[in-house]
Amino acid sequence: MFQTPIYQALVNFFNTEEWSFIPKEDEPTLRLWYQGTSGQWVCYAKVREEQKQVFFYSVSPVVVPENKFGAVTELINRINCNLVFGNFALDYEDGTFHFRTCLLFDNTSPSTELLRKLVFFNVMLMDEYLQSLMQVLYTDASPAEVFSQSKD
């Protein structure tokens, strides 16, 4: 296991929050699961120690089919224009839809409160917009319609 200060702060945070996780053996990344009101999905917490960064990803449980890339990309752009922190993205290689948040640190390790904000803001936004993704994938509603409904 990695013994770097930021990685250890992340491990301690998830242990304190009583979240089960699986560490990757070859990189400083933890795999976790989250159950929201919109579904369950996998999350990744990744440390880049030299750059003093922590990334947190929520990955949709549904793969976007290629014929829906355009509509989903439009939805993502509409959502991202209103976000201050984090962003949604679509991986054109494998069709995964995910939300990413990141924290940068100076010469300190991340506090529990900062990690809590990083993680819970992330899963809250994925939970909120996962329903919008499903509407775009499984109905004839346009991304503009779906997005305007999500703001209500």
N, C-alpha and C. Protein backbone atom coordinates (compact mmCIF):
# COMPACT_ATOMS: atom_id res chain seq x y z
N MET A 1 0.84 -1.18 0.00
CA MET A 1 0.00 0.00 0.00
C MET A 1 0.89 1.24 0.00
N PHE A 2 0.35 2.32 -0.53
CA PHE A 2 1.10 3.58 -0.62
C PHE A 2 1.09 4.26 0.74
N GLN A 3 2.22 4.82 1.11
CA GLN A 3 2.37 5.44 2.43
C GLN A 3 2.54 6.96 2.36
N THR A 4 2.11 7.58 1.29
CA THR A 4 2.26 9.02 1.15
C THR A 4 1.24 9.75 2.02
N PRO A 5 1.54 10.97 2.44
CA PRO A 5 0.64 11.69 3.36
C PRO A 5 -0.78 11.92 2.81
N ILE A 6 -0.89 12.31 1.55
CA ILE A 6 -2.23 12.58 1.00
C ILE A 6 -3.01 11.28 0.86
N TYR A 7 -2.35 10.23 0.40
CA TYR A 7 -3.02 8.93 0.27
C TYR A 7 -3.50 8.43 1.63
N GLN A 8 -2.66 8.55 2.64
CA GLN A 8 -3.04 8.11 3.98
C GLN A 8 -4.20 8.93 4.54
N ALA A 9 -4.20 10.24 4.25
CA ALA A 9 -5.33 11.09 4.68
C ALA A 9 -6.62 10.62 4.02
N LEU A 10 -6.55 10.22 2.76
CA LEU A 10 -7.72 9.73 2.04
C LEU A 10 -8.22 8.40 2.63
N VAL A 11 -7.30 7.49 2.89
CA VAL A 11 -7.65 6.20 3.50
C VAL A 11 -8.29 6.43 4.88
N ASN A 12 -7.68 7.30 5.68
CA ASN A 12 -8.23 7.61 7.00
C ASN A 12 -9.63 8.21 6.91
N PHE A 13 -9.83 9.10 5.93
CA PHE A 13 -11.14 9.71 5.74
C PHE A 13 -12.20 8.65 5.46
N PHE A 14 -11.94 7.76 4.51
CA PHE A 14 -12.95 6.75 4.17
C PHE A 14 -13.15 5.75 5.31
N ASN A 15 -12.10 5.44 6.04
CA ASN A 15 -12.28 4.58 7.22
C ASN A 15 -13.16 5.27 8.26
N THR A 16 -12.94 6.55 8.50
CA THR A 16 -13.75 7.31 9.46
C THR A 16 -15.20 7.37 9.02
N GLU A 17 -15.41 7.55 7.71
CA GLU A 17 -16.78 7.62 7.16
C GLU A 17 -17.43 6.24 7.04
N GLU A 18 -16.65 5.19 7.31
CA GLU A 18 -17.11 3.80 7.24
C GLU A 18 -17.54 3.41 5.83
N TRP A 19 -16.78 3.89 4.84
CA TRP A 19 -16.98 3.50 3.46
C TRP A 19 -16.03 2.36 3.14
N SER A 20 -16.56 1.29 2.61
CA SER A 20 -15.70 0.18 2.16
C SER A 20 -15.00 0.59 0.88
N PHE A 21 -13.77 0.19 0.73
CA PHE A 21 -13.03 0.50 -0.49
C PHE A 21 -12.04 -0.60 -0.77
N ILE A 22 -11.61 -0.63 -2.02
CA ILE A 22 -10.59 -1.57 -2.46
C ILE A 22 -9.43 -0.75 -3.03
N PRO A 23 -8.25 -0.84 -2.44
CA PRO A 23 -7.10 -0.12 -3.00
C PRO A 23 -6.58 -0.83 -4.25
N LYS A 24 -6.18 -0.04 -5.25
CA LYS A 24 -5.51 -0.62 -6.41
C LYS A 24 -4.06 -0.88 -6.00
N GLU A 25 -3.53 -2.00 -6.44
CA GLU A 25 -2.17 -2.37 -6.04
C GLU A 25 -1.10 -1.56 -6.76
N ASP A 26 -1.36 -1.17 -7.99
CA ASP A 26 -0.32 -0.55 -8.81
C ASP A 26 -0.35 0.97 -8.86
N GLU A 27 -1.33 1.60 -8.22
CA GLU A 27 -1.40 3.06 -8.21
C GLU A 27 -2.17 3.53 -6.98
N PRO A 28 -1.95 4.78 -6.56
CA PRO A 28 -2.63 5.28 -5.35
C PRO A 28 -4.08 5.67 -5.62
N THR A 29 -4.90 4.65 -5.81
CA THR A 29 -6.31 4.84 -6.15
C THR A 29 -7.15 3.89 -5.31
N LEU A 30 -8.28 4.38 -4.85
CA LEU A 30 -9.24 3.57 -4.10
C LEU A 30 -10.50 3.43 -4.94
N ARG A 31 -11.08 2.25 -4.92
CA ARG A 31 -12.36 1.99 -5.60
C ARG A 31 -13.42 1.85 -4.53
N LEU A 32 -14.54 2.57 -4.71
CA LEU A 32 -15.63 2.56 -3.73
C LEU A 32 -16.96 2.46 -4.47
N TRP A 33 -18.04 2.24 -3.72
CA TRP A 33 -19.38 2.22 -4.29
C TRP A 33 -20.24 3.20 -3.51
N TYR A 34 -21.18 3.79 -4.23
CA TYR A 34 -22.10 4.72 -3.58
C TYR A 34 -23.52 4.39 -4.02
N GLN A 35 -24.42 4.39 -3.06
CA GLN A 35 -25.84 4.18 -3.33
C GLN A 35 -26.56 5.50 -3.14
N GLY A 36 -27.07 6.07 -4.21
CA GLY A 36 -27.83 7.30 -4.14
C GLY A 36 -29.30 7.01 -4.36
N THR A 37 -30.08 8.06 -4.45
CA THR A 37 -31.51 7.87 -4.72
C THR A 37 -31.76 7.51 -6.18
N SER A 38 -30.81 7.85 -7.06
CA SER A 38 -30.95 7.57 -8.50
C SER A 38 -30.33 6.26 -8.92
N GLY A 39 -29.63 5.58 -8.03
CA GLY A 39 -28.99 4.32 -8.38
C GLY A 39 -27.70 4.12 -7.61
N GLN A 40 -26.99 3.07 -7.98
CA GLN A 40 -25.70 2.77 -7.36
C GLN A 40 -24.63 2.86 -8.44
N TRP A 41 -23.45 3.37 -8.07
CA TRP A 41 -22.37 3.48 -9.02
C TRP A 41 -21.03 3.33 -8.32
N VAL A 42 -20.01 3.14 -9.16
CA VAL A 42 -18.65 3.01 -8.65
C VAL A 42 -18.01 4.40 -8.61
N CYS A 43 -17.13 4.58 -7.62
CA CYS A 43 -16.37 5.82 -7.46
C CYS A 43 -14.89 5.46 -7.36
N TYR A 44 -14.07 6.42 -7.75
CA TYR A 44 -12.63 6.26 -7.63
C TYR A 44 -12.06 7.50 -6.95
N ALA A 45 -11.19 7.29 -6.00
CA ALA A 45 -10.44 8.37 -5.36
C ALA A 45 -8.99 8.15 -5.75
N LYS A 46 -8.41 9.14 -6.43
CA LYS A 46 -7.06 8.99 -6.97
C LYS A 46 -6.18 10.11 -6.45
N VAL A 47 -4.97 9.74 -6.03
CA VAL A 47 -4.00 10.71 -5.51
C VAL A 47 -2.86 10.88 -6.51
N ARG A 48 -2.50 12.13 -6.72
CA ARG A 48 -1.28 12.47 -7.47
C ARG A 48 -0.42 13.26 -6.48
N GLU A 49 0.39 12.51 -5.75
CA GLU A 49 1.14 13.07 -4.61
C GLU A 49 2.10 14.19 -5.04
N GLU A 50 2.87 13.96 -6.09
CA GLU A 50 3.84 14.98 -6.51
C GLU A 50 3.17 16.30 -6.88
N GLN A 51 1.98 16.21 -7.47
CA GLN A 51 1.25 17.41 -7.87
C GLN A 51 0.36 17.94 -6.74
N LYS A 52 0.33 17.22 -5.62
CA LYS A 52 -0.50 17.60 -4.46
C LYS A 52 -1.97 17.67 -4.85
N GLN A 53 -2.48 16.60 -5.51
CA GLN A 53 -3.85 16.57 -6.00
C GLN A 53 -4.58 15.32 -5.54
N VAL A 54 -5.87 15.50 -5.31
CA VAL A 54 -6.78 14.38 -5.07
C VAL A 54 -7.94 14.54 -6.04
N PHE A 55 -8.22 13.49 -6.79
CA PHE A 55 -9.36 13.47 -7.70
C PHE A 55 -10.40 12.50 -7.15
N PHE A 56 -11.67 12.84 -7.33
CA PHE A 56 -12.73 11.91 -6.98
C PHE A 56 -13.67 11.82 -8.17
N TYR A 57 -13.93 10.58 -8.60
CA TYR A 57 -14.78 10.33 -9.76
C TYR A 57 -16.00 9.50 -9.35
N SER A 58 -17.16 9.88 -9.87
CA SER A 58 -18.36 9.05 -9.83
C SER A 58 -18.61 8.61 -11.26
N VAL A 59 -18.72 7.30 -11.48
CA VAL A 59 -18.89 6.77 -12.82
C VAL A 59 -20.29 6.16 -12.94
N SER A 60 -21.03 6.64 -13.94
CA SER A 60 -22.39 6.17 -14.16
C SER A 60 -22.44 4.65 -14.30
N PRO A 61 -23.49 4.03 -13.77
CA PRO A 61 -23.63 2.58 -13.93
C PRO A 61 -24.09 2.20 -15.35
N VAL A 62 -24.46 3.19 -16.16
CA VAL A 62 -24.96 2.94 -17.51
C VAL A 62 -23.95 3.45 -18.52
N VAL A 63 -23.62 2.62 -19.49
CA VAL A 63 -22.72 3.01 -20.57
C VAL A 63 -23.56 3.70 -21.65
N VAL A 64 -23.08 4.83 -22.14
CA VAL A 64 -23.79 5.59 -23.16
C VAL A 64 -23.52 4.95 -24.52
N PRO A 65 -24.59 4.57 -25.24
CA PRO A 65 -24.37 4.00 -26.58
C PRO A 65 -23.92 5.10 -27.54
N GLU A 66 -23.15 4.71 -28.53
CA GLU A 66 -22.56 5.67 -29.47
C GLU A 66 -23.62 6.57 -30.14
N ASN A 67 -24.79 6.02 -30.43
CA ASN A 67 -25.81 6.82 -31.10
C ASN A 67 -26.40 7.91 -30.19
N LYS A 68 -26.06 7.91 -28.91
CA LYS A 68 -26.53 8.94 -27.98
C LYS A 68 -25.42 9.90 -27.55
N PHE A 69 -24.20 9.74 -28.09
CA PHE A 69 -23.09 10.60 -27.70
C PHE A 69 -23.41 12.08 -27.89
N GLY A 70 -24.01 12.44 -29.02
CA GLY A 70 -24.32 13.84 -29.30
C GLY A 70 -25.27 14.43 -28.28
N ALA A 71 -26.35 13.71 -27.98
CA ALA A 71 -27.34 14.20 -27.02
C ALA A 71 -26.75 14.30 -25.62
N VAL A 72 -25.98 13.31 -25.23
CA VAL A 72 -25.38 13.32 -23.89
C VAL A 72 -24.33 14.43 -23.79
N THR A 73 -23.56 14.63 -24.84
CA THR A 73 -22.57 15.71 -24.84
C THR A 73 -23.26 17.06 -24.70
N GLU A 74 -24.39 17.25 -25.37
CA GLU A 74 -25.14 18.50 -25.22
C GLU A 74 -25.61 18.67 -23.78
N LEU A 75 -26.15 17.62 -23.20
CA LEU A 75 -26.59 17.69 -21.81
C LEU A 75 -25.43 18.05 -20.89
N ILE A 76 -24.29 17.38 -21.07
CA ILE A 76 -23.10 17.65 -20.26
C ILE A 76 -22.70 19.12 -20.36
N ASN A 77 -22.67 19.64 -21.58
CA ASN A 77 -22.28 21.04 -21.76
C ASN A 77 -23.26 21.99 -21.07
N ARG A 78 -24.53 21.70 -21.12
CA ARG A 78 -25.52 22.54 -20.45
C ARG A 78 -25.32 22.49 -18.93
N ILE A 79 -25.07 21.32 -18.40
CA ILE A 79 -24.85 21.18 -16.95
C ILE A 79 -23.56 21.88 -16.55
N ASN A 80 -22.47 21.59 -17.26
CA ASN A 80 -21.16 22.13 -16.89
C ASN A 80 -21.12 23.65 -16.90
N CYS A 81 -21.90 24.28 -17.78
CA CYS A 81 -21.92 25.75 -17.83
C CYS A 81 -22.42 26.36 -16.53
N ASN A 82 -23.15 25.62 -15.74
CA ASN A 82 -23.71 26.11 -14.49
C ASN A 82 -22.95 25.64 -13.25
N LEU A 83 -21.92 24.84 -13.44
CA LEU A 83 -21.15 24.32 -12.31
C LEU A 83 -19.97 25.22 -11.99
N VAL A 84 -19.71 25.41 -10.73
CA VAL A 84 -18.55 26.18 -10.29
C VAL A 84 -17.39 25.23 -9.98
N PHE A 85 -17.71 24.05 -9.49
CA PHE A 85 -16.70 23.11 -9.00
C PHE A 85 -17.01 21.73 -9.59
N GLY A 86 -16.06 21.15 -10.30
CA GLY A 86 -16.23 19.83 -10.87
C GLY A 86 -16.77 19.89 -12.28
N ASN A 87 -16.76 18.73 -12.94
CA ASN A 87 -17.32 18.67 -14.29
C ASN A 87 -17.75 17.26 -14.65
N PHE A 88 -18.76 17.20 -15.52
CA PHE A 88 -19.20 15.95 -16.11
C PHE A 88 -18.42 15.74 -17.40
N ALA A 89 -18.22 14.49 -17.77
CA ALA A 89 -17.52 14.17 -19.02
C ALA A 89 -18.04 12.85 -19.56
N LEU A 90 -17.87 12.68 -20.85
CA LEU A 90 -18.20 11.44 -21.53
C LEU A 90 -16.94 10.93 -22.18
N ASP A 91 -16.55 9.69 -21.87
CA ASP A 91 -15.38 9.08 -22.48
C ASP A 91 -15.83 8.44 -23.80
N TYR A 92 -15.36 8.99 -24.90
CA TYR A 92 -15.76 8.49 -26.22
C TYR A 92 -15.19 7.12 -26.53
N GLU A 93 -14.20 6.67 -25.79
CA GLU A 93 -13.61 5.35 -26.03
C GLU A 93 -14.50 4.23 -25.50
N ASP A 94 -15.04 4.42 -24.29
CA ASP A 94 -15.82 3.32 -23.69
C ASP A 94 -17.26 3.70 -23.32
N GLY A 95 -17.66 4.95 -23.59
CA GLY A 95 -19.03 5.36 -23.33
C GLY A 95 -19.35 5.64 -21.88
N THR A 96 -18.34 5.76 -21.03
CA THR A 96 -18.63 6.03 -19.62
C THR A 96 -18.90 7.52 -19.41
N PHE A 97 -19.87 7.77 -18.58
CA PHE A 97 -20.30 9.11 -18.18
C PHE A 97 -19.86 9.26 -16.74
N HIS A 98 -19.11 10.32 -16.43
CA HIS A 98 -18.63 10.45 -15.05
C HIS A 98 -18.60 11.91 -14.61
N PHE A 99 -18.53 12.09 -13.29
CA PHE A 99 -18.38 13.40 -12.70
C PHE A 99 -17.08 13.40 -11.93
N ARG A 100 -16.28 14.47 -12.13
CA ARG A 100 -14.96 14.55 -11.50
C ARG A 100 -14.85 15.83 -10.67
N THR A 101 -14.33 15.66 -9.46
CA THR A 101 -13.96 16.79 -8.63
C THR A 101 -12.49 16.62 -8.26
N CYS A 102 -11.85 17.72 -7.93
CA CYS A 102 -10.41 17.69 -7.64
C CYS A 102 -10.08 18.74 -6.60
N LEU A 103 -9.13 18.41 -5.75
CA LEU A 103 -8.58 19.37 -4.79
C LEU A 103 -7.07 19.45 -4.98
N LEU A 104 -6.56 20.66 -4.85
CA LEU A 104 -5.13 20.90 -4.91
C LEU A 104 -4.68 21.37 -3.54
N PHE A 105 -3.50 20.91 -3.12
CA PHE A 105 -2.99 21.26 -1.80
C PHE A 105 -1.62 21.89 -1.94
N ASP A 106 -1.27 22.71 -0.97
CA ASP A 106 0.09 23.24 -0.95
C ASP A 106 0.96 22.25 -0.19
N ASN A 107 1.57 22.63 0.87
CA ASN A 107 2.46 21.73 1.61
C ASN A 107 1.78 21.04 2.78
N THR A 108 0.47 20.96 2.75
CA THR A 108 -0.26 20.32 3.84
C THR A 108 -1.01 19.11 3.31
N SER A 109 -1.41 18.24 4.19
CA SER A 109 -2.29 17.14 3.82
C SER A 109 -3.73 17.64 3.89
N PRO A 110 -4.61 17.03 3.12
CA PRO A 110 -6.00 17.49 3.11
C PRO A 110 -6.69 17.23 4.45
N SER A 111 -7.49 18.18 4.86
CA SER A 111 -8.26 18.01 6.09
C SER A 111 -9.46 17.11 5.82
N THR A 112 -9.99 16.55 6.88
CA THR A 112 -11.19 15.73 6.77
C THR A 112 -12.33 16.53 6.17
N GLU A 113 -12.46 17.79 6.56
CA GLU A 113 -13.55 18.62 6.05
C GLU A 113 -13.41 18.86 4.55
N LEU A 114 -12.21 19.12 4.07
CA LEU A 114 -12.02 19.31 2.63
C LEU A 114 -12.32 18.03 1.85
N LEU A 115 -11.88 16.90 2.36
CA LEU A 115 -12.17 15.63 1.69
C LEU A 115 -13.66 15.34 1.71
N ARG A 116 -14.32 15.65 2.80
CA ARG A 116 -15.77 15.45 2.89
C ARG A 116 -16.48 16.28 1.81
N LYS A 117 -16.08 17.53 1.65
CA LYS A 117 -16.69 18.39 0.62
C LYS A 117 -16.42 17.85 -0.78
N LEU A 118 -15.19 17.43 -1.03
CA LEU A 118 -14.81 16.87 -2.33
C LEU A 118 -15.69 15.68 -2.69
N VAL A 119 -15.83 14.74 -1.76
CA VAL A 119 -16.53 13.49 -2.01
C VAL A 119 -18.05 13.69 -2.03
N PHE A 120 -18.59 14.34 -1.04
CA PHE A 120 -20.05 14.42 -0.95
C PHE A 120 -20.65 15.39 -1.95
N PHE A 121 -19.93 16.44 -2.33
CA PHE A 121 -20.41 17.29 -3.42
C PHE A 121 -20.48 16.47 -4.70
N ASN A 122 -19.47 15.65 -4.92
CA ASN A 122 -19.40 14.82 -6.11
C ASN A 122 -20.58 13.86 -6.20
N VAL A 123 -20.78 13.07 -5.17
CA VAL A 123 -21.85 12.06 -5.25
C VAL A 123 -23.24 12.72 -5.26
N MET A 124 -23.37 13.89 -4.62
CA MET A 124 -24.64 14.61 -4.64
C MET A 124 -24.98 15.05 -6.06
N LEU A 125 -24.00 15.59 -6.78
CA LEU A 125 -24.24 16.06 -8.15
C LEU A 125 -24.48 14.89 -9.09
N MET A 126 -23.74 13.79 -8.94
CA MET A 126 -24.00 12.62 -9.79
C MET A 126 -25.41 12.11 -9.54
N ASP A 127 -25.81 12.05 -8.28
CA ASP A 127 -27.15 11.58 -7.95
C ASP A 127 -28.21 12.48 -8.58
N GLU A 128 -27.98 13.77 -8.53
CA GLU A 128 -28.94 14.72 -9.10
C GLU A 128 -29.04 14.60 -10.61
N TYR A 129 -27.92 14.50 -11.31
CA TYR A 129 -27.95 14.52 -12.77
C TYR A 129 -28.00 13.15 -13.42
N LEU A 130 -27.87 12.08 -12.66
CA LEU A 130 -28.00 10.74 -13.23
C LEU A 130 -29.41 10.55 -13.80
N GLN A 131 -30.41 11.10 -13.15
CA GLN A 131 -31.78 11.03 -13.66
C GLN A 131 -31.89 11.73 -15.00
N SER A 132 -31.22 12.87 -15.15
CA SER A 132 -31.24 13.59 -16.42
C SER A 132 -30.60 12.76 -17.52
N LEU A 133 -29.48 12.11 -17.21
CA LEU A 133 -28.83 11.23 -18.18
C LEU A 133 -29.79 10.14 -18.63
N MET A 134 -30.47 9.52 -17.69
CA MET A 134 -31.40 8.43 -18.03
C MET A 134 -32.53 8.93 -18.93
N GLN A 135 -33.01 10.14 -18.67
CA GLN A 135 -34.07 10.70 -19.53
C GLN A 135 -33.57 10.87 -20.95
N VAL A 136 -32.35 11.39 -21.10
CA VAL A 136 -31.81 11.59 -22.45
C VAL A 136 -31.59 10.24 -23.13
N LEU A 137 -31.16 9.24 -22.38
CA LEU A 137 -30.90 7.92 -22.97
C LEU A 137 -32.16 7.15 -23.33
N TYR A 138 -33.20 7.26 -22.50
CA TYR A 138 -34.33 6.34 -22.65
C TYR A 138 -35.65 6.99 -23.01
N THR A 139 -35.65 8.30 -23.30
CA THR A 139 -36.88 8.95 -23.77
C THR A 139 -36.54 9.77 -25.00
N ASP A 140 -37.56 10.37 -25.58
CA ASP A 140 -37.35 11.24 -26.74
C ASP A 140 -37.13 12.69 -26.35
N ALA A 141 -37.05 12.97 -25.05
CA ALA A 141 -36.86 14.35 -24.59
C ALA A 141 -35.50 14.87 -25.05
N SER A 142 -35.47 16.12 -25.44
CA SER A 142 -34.21 16.73 -25.88
C SER A 142 -33.35 17.08 -24.66
N PRO A 143 -32.05 17.18 -24.85
CA PRO A 143 -31.18 17.59 -23.74
C PRO A 143 -31.59 18.95 -23.16
N ALA A 144 -32.04 19.87 -24.02
CA ALA A 144 -32.48 21.19 -23.54
C ALA A 144 -33.69 21.06 -22.63
N GLU A 145 -34.66 20.22 -23.01
CA GLU A 145 -35.85 19.99 -22.18
C GLU A 145 -35.47 19.37 -20.84
N VAL A 146 -34.65 18.35 -20.90
CA VAL A 146 -34.24 17.63 -19.69
C VAL A 146 -33.49 18.56 -18.75
N PHE A 147 -32.59 19.36 -19.30
CA PHE A 147 -31.82 20.27 -18.47
C PHE A 147 -32.73 21.32 -17.84
N SER A 148 -33.66 21.87 -18.59
CA SER A 148 -34.54 22.89 -18.01
C SER A 148 -35.41 22.31 -16.91
N GLN A 149 -35.81 21.05 -17.04
CA GLN A 149 -36.58 20.39 -15.98
C GLN A 149 -35.73 20.16 -14.74
N SER A 150 -34.45 19.88 -14.93
CA SER A 150 -33.57 19.61 -13.78
C SER A 150 -33.30 20.86 -12.96
N LYS A 151 -33.47 22.03 -13.55
CA LYS A 151 -33.23 23.28 -12.84
C LYS A 151 -34.45 23.71 -12.02
N ASP A 152 -35.59 23.10 -12.27
CA ASP A 152 -36.82 23.48 -11.55
C ASP A 152 -36.80 23.02 -10.11
